Amino acid sequence: MTTCDRGFTLLELIISLTIIAIIVVIISAALRIGTRAWEKGEKDIESNQRQRIVLDLMKRQLASALRERSGDKKKPTFRLKGDDKSLSFLSSLALVPNNTFGTVHVRYRVGRDDKNHERLSFHEENIVLIKDADKGEPDEDAFYELISGMRDISFGYLKQHPEGPEWQDVWDPESDKGVPLAISVSFEKYPGSPSIRVLARIQQDTLSDTR
């Protein structure tokens, strides 16, 4: 028999199948990596879009903060109060669809998720339904999660001093009169990452609610 008439030997066939199997494994792995990268990209885009919407709504609500409720002695009085991890205030802008009328009392707070990352959540309640301003924190289930997966989330308050405006970490209504000139919310996703900062300037000429 000539060489052309011999066909493939068993060893040649095994080598050929092995090469084909290796190529299939490489292609499958590349497809898996590409699929995961695409899914991650879609997830990041969706997350970024959600964050932009949330941050825009937060900025609008913070900018509409009111000094306090006044004009009705039978109703509880609320004043803006906060530190670097929590904030409570009155707002004329409601984010919860059910709160479509009047002024709302808003609470923002920073907590931890299951992965020990910081998350921002909020609670909102119409003041006509509140009988006691000092009734304490609402239940955990009453808070809505806004943003999660952050390394650090913090609030800041801009106060007018004789020497000029200065940022501070705490706003205490007992010592800090009225409302801040502006409120900032800073987000840091991981160490060394660019910080995202939302700055809401509060209108100083519409600070009280007499409804």
N, C-alpha and C. Protein backbone atom coordinates (compact mmCIF):
# COMPACT_ATOMS: atom_id res chain seq x y z
N MET A 1 0.83 -1.20 0.00
CA MET A 1 0.00 0.00 0.00
C MET A 1 0.87 1.25 0.00
N THR A 2 0.46 2.21 -0.75
CA THR A 2 1.17 3.49 -0.74
C THR A 2 0.74 4.28 0.47
N THR A 3 1.45 5.40 0.72
CA THR A 3 1.15 6.25 1.87
C THR A 3 -0.24 6.86 1.77
N CYS A 4 -0.66 7.20 0.53
CA CYS A 4 -1.97 7.83 0.34
C CYS A 4 -3.10 6.86 0.60
N ASP A 5 -2.83 5.55 0.47
CA ASP A 5 -3.89 4.55 0.65
C ASP A 5 -4.02 4.10 2.09
N ARG A 6 -3.10 4.49 2.97
CA ARG A 6 -3.13 3.98 4.34
C ARG A 6 -4.26 4.58 5.17
N GLY A 7 -4.70 5.84 4.92
CA GLY A 7 -5.69 6.52 5.76
C GLY A 7 -5.02 7.04 7.03
N PHE A 8 -5.88 7.33 8.05
CA PHE A 8 -5.38 7.84 9.32
C PHE A 8 -5.10 6.70 10.27
N THR A 9 -4.03 6.84 11.03
CA THR A 9 -3.77 5.88 12.09
C THR A 9 -4.55 6.29 13.33
N LEU A 10 -4.67 5.39 14.29
CA LEU A 10 -5.40 5.68 15.52
C LEU A 10 -4.75 6.84 16.28
N LEU A 11 -3.44 6.90 16.30
CA LEU A 11 -2.74 7.97 17.00
C LEU A 11 -3.04 9.33 16.35
N GLU A 12 -3.03 9.37 15.01
CA GLU A 12 -3.33 10.61 14.32
C GLU A 12 -4.76 11.07 14.60
N LEU A 13 -5.67 10.11 14.65
CA LEU A 13 -7.07 10.45 14.93
C LEU A 13 -7.23 11.01 16.34
N ILE A 14 -6.54 10.40 17.31
CA ILE A 14 -6.61 10.89 18.70
C ILE A 14 -6.04 12.29 18.81
N ILE A 15 -4.91 12.53 18.13
CA ILE A 15 -4.29 13.86 18.17
C ILE A 15 -5.22 14.90 17.55
N SER A 16 -5.83 14.53 16.42
CA SER A 16 -6.76 15.47 15.76
C SER A 16 -7.94 15.80 16.66
N LEU A 17 -8.54 14.79 17.29
CA LEU A 17 -9.67 15.02 18.20
C LEU A 17 -9.27 15.87 19.40
N THR A 18 -8.05 15.64 19.89
CA THR A 18 -7.56 16.42 21.03
C THR A 18 -7.41 17.89 20.66
N ILE A 19 -6.86 18.14 19.47
CA ILE A 19 -6.70 19.52 19.01
C ILE A 19 -8.05 20.20 18.85
N ILE A 20 -9.01 19.47 18.26
CA ILE A 20 -10.35 20.04 18.09
C ILE A 20 -11.00 20.34 19.44
N ALA A 21 -10.82 19.42 20.40
CA ALA A 21 -11.40 19.63 21.74
C ALA A 21 -10.79 20.86 22.40
N ILE A 22 -9.47 21.04 22.26
CA ILE A 22 -8.80 22.21 22.84
C ILE A 22 -9.35 23.50 22.23
N ILE A 23 -9.52 23.48 20.89
CA ILE A 23 -10.05 24.67 20.21
C ILE A 23 -11.47 24.98 20.69
N VAL A 24 -12.30 23.95 20.85
CA VAL A 24 -13.68 24.14 21.32
C VAL A 24 -13.68 24.73 22.74
N VAL A 25 -12.80 24.21 23.61
CA VAL A 25 -12.72 24.71 24.99
C VAL A 25 -12.30 26.18 25.00
N ILE A 26 -11.32 26.54 24.16
CA ILE A 26 -10.85 27.93 24.10
C ILE A 26 -11.97 28.86 23.62
N ILE A 27 -12.68 28.41 22.56
CA ILE A 27 -13.78 29.24 22.04
C ILE A 27 -14.89 29.39 23.08
N SER A 28 -15.22 28.28 23.78
CA SER A 28 -16.27 28.34 24.80
C SER A 28 -15.88 29.28 25.94
N ALA A 29 -14.61 29.20 26.36
CA ALA A 29 -14.15 30.09 27.43
C ALA A 29 -14.20 31.55 26.99
N ALA A 30 -13.81 31.81 25.75
CA ALA A 30 -13.86 33.18 25.24
C ALA A 30 -15.30 33.70 25.18
N LEU A 31 -16.22 32.82 24.78
CA LEU A 31 -17.62 33.22 24.74
C LEU A 31 -18.16 33.51 26.14
N ARG A 32 -17.76 32.67 27.10
CA ARG A 32 -18.21 32.91 28.48
C ARG A 32 -17.67 34.22 29.02
N ILE A 33 -16.41 34.49 28.76
CA ILE A 33 -15.81 35.74 29.22
C ILE A 33 -16.50 36.94 28.56
N GLY A 34 -16.74 36.83 27.26
CA GLY A 34 -17.42 37.91 26.56
C GLY A 34 -18.83 38.13 27.07
N THR A 35 -19.55 37.04 27.35
CA THR A 35 -20.92 37.15 27.87
C THR A 35 -20.93 37.80 29.24
N ARG A 36 -20.00 37.38 30.11
CA ARG A 36 -19.93 37.98 31.45
C ARG A 36 -19.57 39.45 31.38
N ALA A 37 -18.64 39.80 30.49
CA ALA A 37 -18.26 41.21 30.34
C ALA A 37 -19.44 42.04 29.85
N TRP A 38 -20.21 41.48 28.91
CA TRP A 38 -21.39 42.19 28.40
C TRP A 38 -22.44 42.36 29.49
N GLU A 39 -22.68 41.27 30.24
CA GLU A 39 -23.67 41.36 31.33
C GLU A 39 -23.23 42.37 32.38
N LYS A 40 -21.93 42.37 32.72
CA LYS A 40 -21.43 43.33 33.70
C LYS A 40 -21.56 44.76 33.18
N GLY A 41 -21.27 44.94 31.90
CA GLY A 41 -21.41 46.27 31.32
C GLY A 41 -22.85 46.75 31.34
N GLU A 42 -23.78 45.85 31.01
CA GLU A 42 -25.20 46.21 31.07
C GLU A 42 -25.62 46.53 32.49
N LYS A 43 -25.13 45.74 33.44
CA LYS A 43 -25.47 45.98 34.84
C LYS A 43 -24.91 47.31 35.32
N ASP A 44 -23.67 47.63 34.93
CA ASP A 44 -23.06 48.90 35.32
C ASP A 44 -23.82 50.08 34.72
N ILE A 45 -24.22 49.95 33.46
CA ILE A 45 -24.97 51.02 32.81
C ILE A 45 -26.30 51.25 33.52
N GLU A 46 -26.99 50.15 33.82
CA GLU A 46 -28.28 50.25 34.52
C GLU A 46 -28.10 50.87 35.90
N SER A 47 -27.03 50.44 36.61
CA SER A 47 -26.77 50.97 37.94
C SER A 47 -26.44 52.46 37.88
N ASN A 48 -25.63 52.87 36.89
CA ASN A 48 -25.27 54.28 36.76
C ASN A 48 -26.49 55.14 36.42
N GLN A 49 -27.35 54.61 35.55
CA GLN A 49 -28.57 55.35 35.21
C GLN A 49 -29.47 55.52 36.43
N ARG A 50 -29.60 54.45 37.20
CA ARG A 50 -30.42 54.52 38.41
C ARG A 50 -29.84 55.51 39.41
N GLN A 51 -28.50 55.49 39.55
CA GLN A 51 -27.86 56.42 40.47
C GLN A 51 -28.08 57.87 40.04
N ARG A 52 -27.98 58.14 38.75
CA ARG A 52 -28.19 59.51 38.26
C ARG A 52 -29.61 59.99 38.55
N ILE A 53 -30.58 59.10 38.35
CA ILE A 53 -31.97 59.47 38.62
C ILE A 53 -32.17 59.73 40.10
N VAL A 54 -31.64 58.83 40.95
CA VAL A 54 -31.77 58.97 42.40
C VAL A 54 -31.10 60.25 42.88
N LEU A 55 -29.89 60.51 42.40
CA LEU A 55 -29.16 61.70 42.83
C LEU A 55 -29.86 62.98 42.40
N ASP A 56 -30.45 62.97 41.21
CA ASP A 56 -31.19 64.15 40.76
C ASP A 56 -32.42 64.40 41.64
N LEU A 57 -33.15 63.32 41.98
CA LEU A 57 -34.32 63.47 42.85
C LEU A 57 -33.91 63.93 44.25
N MET A 58 -32.81 63.37 44.76
CA MET A 58 -32.31 63.78 46.07
C MET A 58 -31.95 65.26 46.07
N LYS A 59 -31.27 65.69 45.03
CA LYS A 59 -30.86 67.10 44.96
C LYS A 59 -32.07 68.01 44.97
N ARG A 60 -33.10 67.65 44.23
CA ARG A 60 -34.31 68.47 44.20
C ARG A 60 -35.01 68.49 45.56
N GLN A 61 -35.05 67.33 46.23
CA GLN A 61 -35.72 67.28 47.53
C GLN A 61 -34.93 68.04 48.58
N LEU A 62 -33.61 67.90 48.57
CA LEU A 62 -32.78 68.63 49.52
C LEU A 62 -32.88 70.14 49.30
N ALA A 63 -32.93 70.55 48.04
CA ALA A 63 -33.03 71.97 47.74
C ALA A 63 -34.35 72.57 48.20
N SER A 64 -35.37 71.73 48.38
CA SER A 64 -36.69 72.21 48.81
C SER A 64 -36.88 72.10 50.31
N ALA A 65 -35.79 71.88 51.06
CA ALA A 65 -35.88 71.74 52.52
C ALA A 65 -36.46 73.01 53.14
N LEU A 66 -37.33 72.82 54.13
CA LEU A 66 -37.98 73.93 54.83
C LEU A 66 -37.37 74.11 56.21
N ARG A 67 -37.45 75.35 56.72
CA ARG A 67 -36.88 75.64 58.03
C ARG A 67 -37.59 74.83 59.12
N GLU A 68 -38.90 74.92 59.18
CA GLU A 68 -39.69 74.19 60.17
C GLU A 68 -41.16 74.38 59.86
N ARG A 69 -41.98 73.61 60.52
CA ARG A 69 -43.42 73.82 60.39
C ARG A 69 -43.85 74.79 61.46
N SER A 70 -44.61 75.82 61.07
CA SER A 70 -45.04 76.81 62.03
C SER A 70 -46.46 77.25 61.69
N GLY A 71 -47.02 78.08 62.55
CA GLY A 71 -48.34 78.62 62.28
C GLY A 71 -49.48 77.81 62.88
N ASP A 72 -49.21 76.63 63.42
CA ASP A 72 -50.25 75.80 64.02
C ASP A 72 -49.66 75.16 65.27
N LYS A 73 -50.01 75.67 66.44
CA LYS A 73 -49.43 75.18 67.68
C LYS A 73 -49.88 73.77 68.04
N LYS A 74 -50.93 73.29 67.41
CA LYS A 74 -51.42 71.96 67.71
C LYS A 74 -50.64 70.88 66.97
N LYS A 75 -49.86 71.29 65.99
CA LYS A 75 -49.08 70.35 65.20
C LYS A 75 -47.64 70.28 65.72
N PRO A 76 -46.99 69.11 65.60
CA PRO A 76 -45.59 69.02 66.04
C PRO A 76 -44.67 69.87 65.17
N THR A 77 -43.57 70.32 65.76
CA THR A 77 -42.60 71.14 65.05
C THR A 77 -41.40 70.28 64.65
N PHE A 78 -41.00 70.38 63.39
CA PHE A 78 -39.85 69.64 62.88
C PHE A 78 -38.79 70.64 62.44
N ARG A 79 -37.54 70.34 62.77
CA ARG A 79 -36.43 71.19 62.35
C ARG A 79 -35.36 70.33 61.70
N LEU A 80 -34.67 70.93 60.74
CA LEU A 80 -33.62 70.19 60.03
C LEU A 80 -32.52 69.80 61.02
N LYS A 81 -32.16 68.53 60.98
CA LYS A 81 -31.15 68.01 61.89
C LYS A 81 -30.38 66.90 61.18
N GLY A 82 -29.06 66.88 61.37
CA GLY A 82 -28.30 65.84 60.71
C GLY A 82 -26.87 65.76 61.16
N ASP A 83 -26.24 64.65 60.80
CA ASP A 83 -24.80 64.47 60.98
C ASP A 83 -24.25 63.88 59.69
N ASP A 84 -23.04 63.30 59.76
CA ASP A 84 -22.45 62.82 58.51
C ASP A 84 -23.09 61.55 57.98
N LYS A 85 -23.92 60.86 58.80
CA LYS A 85 -24.53 59.60 58.38
C LYS A 85 -26.06 59.61 58.44
N SER A 86 -26.66 60.70 58.78
CA SER A 86 -28.12 60.76 58.84
C SER A 86 -28.58 62.20 58.67
N LEU A 87 -29.83 62.34 58.24
CA LEU A 87 -30.39 63.67 58.00
C LEU A 87 -31.91 63.57 58.04
N SER A 88 -32.54 64.50 58.74
CA SER A 88 -34.00 64.59 58.75
C SER A 88 -34.41 66.04 58.54
N PHE A 89 -35.47 66.25 57.77
CA PHE A 89 -35.90 67.60 57.44
C PHE A 89 -37.30 67.57 56.84
N LEU A 90 -37.90 68.73 56.74
CA LEU A 90 -39.18 68.89 56.04
C LEU A 90 -38.91 69.28 54.60
N SER A 91 -39.76 68.79 53.71
CA SER A 91 -39.60 69.13 52.30
C SER A 91 -40.97 69.32 51.67
N SER A 92 -41.01 70.22 50.73
CA SER A 92 -42.25 70.43 49.97
C SER A 92 -42.32 69.51 48.76
N LEU A 93 -41.28 68.69 48.55
CA LEU A 93 -41.24 67.77 47.42
C LEU A 93 -41.22 66.33 47.92
N ALA A 94 -42.23 65.55 47.56
CA ALA A 94 -42.32 64.15 47.96
C ALA A 94 -41.77 63.25 46.85
N LEU A 95 -41.03 62.21 47.24
CA LEU A 95 -40.52 61.24 46.28
C LEU A 95 -41.38 59.98 46.23
N VAL A 96 -42.04 59.65 47.33
CA VAL A 96 -42.91 58.49 47.37
C VAL A 96 -44.22 58.83 46.65
N PRO A 97 -44.65 57.99 45.70
CA PRO A 97 -45.86 58.31 44.93
C PRO A 97 -47.10 58.55 45.77
N ASN A 98 -47.24 57.88 46.92
CA ASN A 98 -48.43 58.04 47.74
C ASN A 98 -48.51 59.41 48.41
N ASN A 99 -47.35 60.04 48.62
CA ASN A 99 -47.32 61.35 49.28
C ASN A 99 -47.46 62.46 48.24
N THR A 100 -48.65 62.63 47.76
CA THR A 100 -48.88 63.57 46.66
C THR A 100 -49.44 64.91 47.13
N PHE A 101 -49.55 65.10 48.45
CA PHE A 101 -50.12 66.36 48.91
C PHE A 101 -49.35 66.85 50.13
N GLY A 102 -49.28 68.19 50.28
CA GLY A 102 -48.70 68.78 51.48
C GLY A 102 -47.21 68.56 51.64
N THR A 103 -46.75 68.83 52.87
CA THR A 103 -45.35 68.74 53.22
C THR A 103 -45.03 67.37 53.81
N VAL A 104 -43.82 66.87 53.55
CA VAL A 104 -43.41 65.56 54.05
C VAL A 104 -42.21 65.71 54.97
N HIS A 105 -42.13 64.80 55.93
CA HIS A 105 -40.95 64.70 56.79
C HIS A 105 -40.07 63.59 56.24
N VAL A 106 -38.83 63.94 55.92
CA VAL A 106 -37.91 63.03 55.25
C VAL A 106 -36.78 62.64 56.18
N ARG A 107 -36.40 61.38 56.14
CA ARG A 107 -35.24 60.88 56.88
C ARG A 107 -34.31 60.16 55.91
N TYR A 108 -33.08 60.60 55.82
CA TYR A 108 -32.03 59.89 55.10
C TYR A 108 -31.10 59.26 56.13
N ARG A 109 -30.66 58.05 55.87
CA ARG A 109 -29.69 57.45 56.79
C ARG A 109 -28.78 56.49 56.04
N VAL A 110 -27.55 56.35 56.55
CA VAL A 110 -26.54 55.48 55.96
C VAL A 110 -26.39 54.26 56.85
N GLY A 111 -26.49 53.07 56.24
CA GLY A 111 -26.33 51.82 56.97
C GLY A 111 -25.40 50.88 56.23
N ARG A 112 -25.38 49.62 56.64
CA ARG A 112 -24.53 48.61 56.04
C ARG A 112 -25.38 47.52 55.40
N ASP A 113 -24.90 47.01 54.24
CA ASP A 113 -25.60 45.90 53.60
C ASP A 113 -24.94 44.58 53.99
N ASP A 114 -25.36 43.49 53.34
CA ASP A 114 -24.85 42.16 53.68
C ASP A 114 -23.36 42.00 53.39
N LYS A 115 -22.83 42.79 52.48
CA LYS A 115 -21.41 42.72 52.13
C LYS A 115 -20.59 43.76 52.88
N ASN A 116 -21.18 44.37 53.88
CA ASN A 116 -20.53 45.39 54.71
C ASN A 116 -20.21 46.65 53.92
N HIS A 117 -20.93 46.86 52.83
CA HIS A 117 -20.82 48.11 52.11
C HIS A 117 -21.86 49.09 52.64
N GLU A 118 -21.59 50.37 52.48
CA GLU A 118 -22.55 51.36 52.95
C GLU A 118 -23.66 51.55 51.93
N ARG A 119 -24.85 51.79 52.45
CA ARG A 119 -26.00 52.03 51.58
C ARG A 119 -26.80 53.20 52.14
N LEU A 120 -27.45 53.90 51.24
CA LEU A 120 -28.27 55.05 51.61
C LEU A 120 -29.74 54.69 51.43
N SER A 121 -30.53 54.90 52.48
CA SER A 121 -31.97 54.64 52.41
C SER A 121 -32.71 55.85 52.96
N PHE A 122 -34.01 55.90 52.69
CA PHE A 122 -34.78 57.04 53.17
C PHE A 122 -36.19 56.63 53.53
N HIS A 123 -36.78 57.45 54.40
CA HIS A 123 -38.18 57.27 54.82
C HIS A 123 -38.87 58.61 54.66
N GLU A 124 -40.11 58.54 54.24
CA GLU A 124 -40.86 59.76 53.97
C GLU A 124 -42.30 59.59 54.48
N GLU A 125 -42.79 60.62 55.17
CA GLU A 125 -44.14 60.55 55.72
C GLU A 125 -44.77 61.94 55.70
N ASN A 126 -46.02 61.99 55.28
CA ASN A 126 -46.72 63.27 55.26
C ASN A 126 -46.95 63.76 56.68
N ILE A 127 -46.68 65.03 56.94
CA ILE A 127 -46.73 65.52 58.32
C ILE A 127 -48.15 65.57 58.89
N VAL A 128 -49.16 65.55 58.02
CA VAL A 128 -50.53 65.56 58.55
C VAL A 128 -50.85 64.24 59.25
N LEU A 129 -50.03 63.21 58.98
CA LEU A 129 -50.25 61.89 59.59
C LEU A 129 -49.39 61.69 60.83
N ILE A 130 -48.53 62.67 61.16
CA ILE A 130 -47.62 62.54 62.30
C ILE A 130 -48.15 63.35 63.47
N LYS A 131 -48.31 62.70 64.60
CA LYS A 131 -48.80 63.38 65.80
C LYS A 131 -47.68 63.76 66.76
N ASP A 132 -46.55 63.04 66.67
CA ASP A 132 -45.45 63.28 67.60
C ASP A 132 -44.15 63.38 66.81
N ALA A 133 -43.49 64.52 66.85
CA ALA A 133 -42.25 64.71 66.11
C ALA A 133 -41.09 63.91 66.71
N ASP A 134 -41.21 63.51 67.97
CA ASP A 134 -40.13 62.79 68.66
C ASP A 134 -40.49 61.32 68.89
N LYS A 135 -41.23 60.73 67.95
CA LYS A 135 -41.66 59.35 68.14
C LYS A 135 -40.56 58.33 67.86
N GLY A 136 -39.40 58.79 67.39
CA GLY A 136 -38.28 57.89 67.15
C GLY A 136 -38.19 57.42 65.71
N GLU A 137 -37.19 56.58 65.45
CA GLU A 137 -36.94 56.09 64.11
C GLU A 137 -38.02 55.12 63.66
N PRO A 138 -38.45 55.19 62.40
CA PRO A 138 -39.39 54.21 61.86
C PRO A 138 -38.75 52.83 61.80
N ASP A 139 -39.57 51.81 61.58
CA ASP A 139 -39.06 50.45 61.44
C ASP A 139 -38.19 50.32 60.20
N GLU A 140 -37.31 49.32 60.22
CA GLU A 140 -36.40 49.09 59.10
C GLU A 140 -37.16 48.88 57.79
N ASP A 141 -38.29 48.19 57.86
CA ASP A 141 -39.06 47.89 56.65
C ASP A 141 -39.68 49.14 56.03
N ALA A 142 -39.75 50.23 56.79
CA ALA A 142 -40.37 51.45 56.28
C ALA A 142 -39.41 52.29 55.43
N PHE A 143 -38.13 51.91 55.40
CA PHE A 143 -37.13 52.66 54.64
C PHE A 143 -36.98 52.07 53.23
N TYR A 144 -36.77 52.95 52.26
CA TYR A 144 -36.51 52.56 50.88
C TYR A 144 -35.03 52.71 50.59
N GLU A 145 -34.45 51.68 49.97
CA GLU A 145 -33.03 51.76 49.61
C GLU A 145 -32.87 52.60 48.35
N LEU A 146 -31.96 53.55 48.40
CA LEU A 146 -31.69 54.43 47.26
C LEU A 146 -30.42 54.01 46.52
N ILE A 147 -29.31 53.90 47.25
CA ILE A 147 -28.02 53.56 46.66
C ILE A 147 -27.29 52.61 47.59
N SER A 148 -26.65 51.59 47.04
CA SER A 148 -25.92 50.62 47.85
C SER A 148 -24.58 50.31 47.19
N GLY A 149 -23.77 49.50 47.89
CA GLY A 149 -22.49 49.07 47.34
C GLY A 149 -21.39 50.11 47.40
N MET A 150 -21.51 51.10 48.30
CA MET A 150 -20.51 52.16 48.40
C MET A 150 -19.56 51.90 49.56
N ARG A 151 -18.33 52.40 49.42
CA ARG A 151 -17.38 52.31 50.52
C ARG A 151 -17.70 53.34 51.58
N ASP A 152 -18.10 54.54 51.12
CA ASP A 152 -18.37 55.62 52.07
C ASP A 152 -19.45 56.54 51.50
N ILE A 153 -20.40 56.89 52.37
CA ILE A 153 -21.44 57.87 52.05
C ILE A 153 -21.50 58.85 53.21
N SER A 154 -21.48 60.13 52.94
CA SER A 154 -21.48 61.10 54.02
C SER A 154 -22.18 62.39 53.61
N PHE A 155 -22.77 63.07 54.61
CA PHE A 155 -23.45 64.35 54.42
C PHE A 155 -22.56 65.48 54.91
N GLY A 156 -22.74 66.65 54.34
CA GLY A 156 -22.05 67.85 54.78
C GLY A 156 -23.01 69.03 54.75
N TYR A 157 -22.75 70.03 55.59
CA TYR A 157 -23.66 71.18 55.74
C TYR A 157 -22.86 72.47 55.66
N LEU A 158 -23.30 73.36 54.80
CA LEU A 158 -22.61 74.64 54.61
C LEU A 158 -23.27 75.71 55.47
N LYS A 159 -22.48 76.27 56.40
CA LYS A 159 -23.00 77.28 57.32
C LYS A 159 -22.29 78.61 57.11
N GLN A 160 -23.09 79.66 57.23
CA GLN A 160 -22.53 81.00 57.10
C GLN A 160 -21.94 81.46 58.43
N HIS A 161 -20.63 81.69 58.47
CA HIS A 161 -19.94 82.21 59.64
C HIS A 161 -19.53 83.65 59.37
N PRO A 162 -19.20 84.40 60.42
CA PRO A 162 -18.77 85.79 60.21
C PRO A 162 -17.60 85.91 59.25
N GLU A 163 -16.70 84.93 59.29
CA GLU A 163 -15.54 84.98 58.41
C GLU A 163 -15.82 84.38 57.03
N GLY A 164 -17.04 83.83 56.84
CA GLY A 164 -17.40 83.27 55.54
C GLY A 164 -18.01 81.89 55.67
N PRO A 165 -18.57 81.33 54.59
CA PRO A 165 -19.20 80.00 54.63
C PRO A 165 -18.17 78.91 54.91
N GLU A 166 -18.57 77.92 55.73
CA GLU A 166 -17.71 76.79 56.03
C GLU A 166 -18.55 75.51 56.09
N TRP A 167 -17.94 74.41 55.65
CA TRP A 167 -18.62 73.12 55.71
C TRP A 167 -18.43 72.49 57.08
N GLN A 168 -19.47 71.82 57.55
CA GLN A 168 -19.39 71.11 58.83
C GLN A 168 -20.12 69.77 58.70
N ASP A 169 -19.77 68.82 59.61
CA ASP A 169 -20.30 67.47 59.53
C ASP A 169 -21.62 67.29 60.27
N VAL A 170 -21.97 68.25 61.11
CA VAL A 170 -23.18 68.13 61.94
C VAL A 170 -24.00 69.41 61.83
N TRP A 171 -25.33 69.23 61.77
CA TRP A 171 -26.22 70.37 61.84
C TRP A 171 -27.17 70.15 63.01
N ASP A 172 -26.96 70.91 64.08
CA ASP A 172 -27.75 70.79 65.30
C ASP A 172 -28.67 72.00 65.41
N PRO A 173 -29.99 71.81 65.36
CA PRO A 173 -30.90 72.96 65.41
C PRO A 173 -30.82 73.74 66.70
N GLU A 174 -30.25 73.15 67.75
CA GLU A 174 -30.10 73.89 69.00
C GLU A 174 -29.03 74.97 68.91
N SER A 175 -28.02 74.72 68.11
CA SER A 175 -26.93 75.69 67.97
C SER A 175 -26.82 76.28 66.57
N ASP A 176 -27.32 75.57 65.58
CA ASP A 176 -27.29 76.05 64.21
C ASP A 176 -28.70 76.53 63.82
N LYS A 177 -28.86 77.80 63.67
CA LYS A 177 -30.18 78.37 63.42
C LYS A 177 -30.57 78.21 61.95
N GLY A 178 -31.86 78.03 61.73
CA GLY A 178 -32.38 77.94 60.37
C GLY A 178 -31.96 76.68 59.66
N VAL A 179 -31.57 76.84 58.42
CA VAL A 179 -31.12 75.71 57.61
C VAL A 179 -29.78 76.04 56.98
N PRO A 180 -29.02 75.05 56.52
CA PRO A 180 -27.73 75.34 55.88
C PRO A 180 -27.91 76.10 54.58
N LEU A 181 -26.85 76.76 54.16
CA LEU A 181 -26.85 77.38 52.84
C LEU A 181 -26.94 76.33 51.75
N ALA A 182 -26.34 75.17 52.02
CA ALA A 182 -26.36 74.06 51.07
C ALA A 182 -26.09 72.76 51.83
N ILE A 183 -26.51 71.66 51.23
CA ILE A 183 -26.26 70.33 51.77
C ILE A 183 -25.56 69.50 50.70
N SER A 184 -24.53 68.78 51.09
CA SER A 184 -23.83 67.92 50.15
C SER A 184 -23.94 66.46 50.57
N VAL A 185 -23.97 65.58 49.57
CA VAL A 185 -23.93 64.13 49.81
C VAL A 185 -22.79 63.58 48.97
N SER A 186 -21.80 62.96 49.63
CA SER A 186 -20.62 62.44 48.94
C SER A 186 -20.63 60.92 48.93
N PHE A 187 -20.26 60.35 47.77
CA PHE A 187 -20.22 58.90 47.60
C PHE A 187 -18.83 58.48 47.11
N GLU A 188 -18.27 57.47 47.76
CA GLU A 188 -17.00 56.89 47.32
C GLU A 188 -17.20 55.38 47.18
N LYS A 189 -17.00 54.87 45.95
CA LYS A 189 -17.31 53.46 45.67
C LYS A 189 -16.24 52.52 46.20
N TYR A 190 -14.96 52.88 46.04
CA TYR A 190 -13.86 52.06 46.53
C TYR A 190 -12.68 52.98 46.81
N PRO A 191 -11.71 52.53 47.60
CA PRO A 191 -10.59 53.40 47.96
C PRO A 191 -9.86 53.94 46.73
N GLY A 192 -9.69 55.24 46.69
CA GLY A 192 -8.98 55.85 45.58
C GLY A 192 -9.85 56.21 44.39
N SER A 193 -11.12 55.80 44.41
CA SER A 193 -12.00 56.11 43.29
C SER A 193 -12.45 57.57 43.35
N PRO A 194 -12.79 58.16 42.20
CA PRO A 194 -13.28 59.54 42.20
C PRO A 194 -14.55 59.65 43.04
N SER A 195 -14.63 60.67 43.86
CA SER A 195 -15.79 60.87 44.72
C SER A 195 -16.91 61.55 43.95
N ILE A 196 -18.12 61.02 44.10
CA ILE A 196 -19.30 61.63 43.51
C ILE A 196 -19.94 62.52 44.58
N ARG A 197 -20.19 63.77 44.25
CA ARG A 197 -20.73 64.70 45.23
C ARG A 197 -21.95 65.41 44.68
N VAL A 198 -23.04 65.32 45.43
CA VAL A 198 -24.26 66.03 45.09
C VAL A 198 -24.36 67.26 45.98
N LEU A 199 -24.50 68.41 45.36
CA LEU A 199 -24.57 69.67 46.11
C LEU A 199 -25.92 70.32 45.85
N ALA A 200 -26.72 70.48 46.92
CA ALA A 200 -28.05 71.08 46.81
C ALA A 200 -28.06 72.40 47.56
N ARG A 201 -28.27 73.48 46.84
CA ARG A 201 -28.36 74.80 47.45
C ARG A 201 -29.79 75.03 47.92
N ILE A 202 -29.96 75.42 49.17
CA ILE A 202 -31.28 75.62 49.75
C ILE A 202 -31.71 77.07 49.57
N GLN A 203 -32.91 77.25 49.07
CA GLN A 203 -33.43 78.61 48.89
C GLN A 203 -33.67 79.24 50.26
N GLN A 204 -33.04 80.37 50.51
CA GLN A 204 -33.11 81.00 51.82
C GLN A 204 -34.33 81.91 51.99
N ASP A 205 -35.10 82.10 50.92
CA ASP A 205 -36.25 83.01 51.03
C ASP A 205 -37.57 82.26 51.20
N THR A 206 -37.54 80.92 51.16
CA THR A 206 -38.77 80.14 51.36
C THR A 206 -38.45 79.02 52.34
N LEU A 207 -38.28 79.42 53.60
CA LEU A 207 -37.74 78.47 54.57
C LEU A 207 -38.78 77.93 55.54
N SER A 208 -39.95 78.44 55.59
CA SER A 208 -40.93 77.95 56.57
C SER A 208 -42.20 77.54 55.89
N ASP A 209 -42.96 76.69 56.58
CA ASP A 209 -44.21 76.18 56.04
C ASP A 209 -45.31 76.50 57.03
N THR A 210 -46.33 77.18 56.59
CA THR A 210 -47.39 77.59 57.48
C THR A 210 -48.69 76.89 57.17
N ARG A 211 -48.63 75.82 56.39
CA ARG A 211 -49.85 75.12 56.04
C ARG A 211 -50.27 74.15 57.12
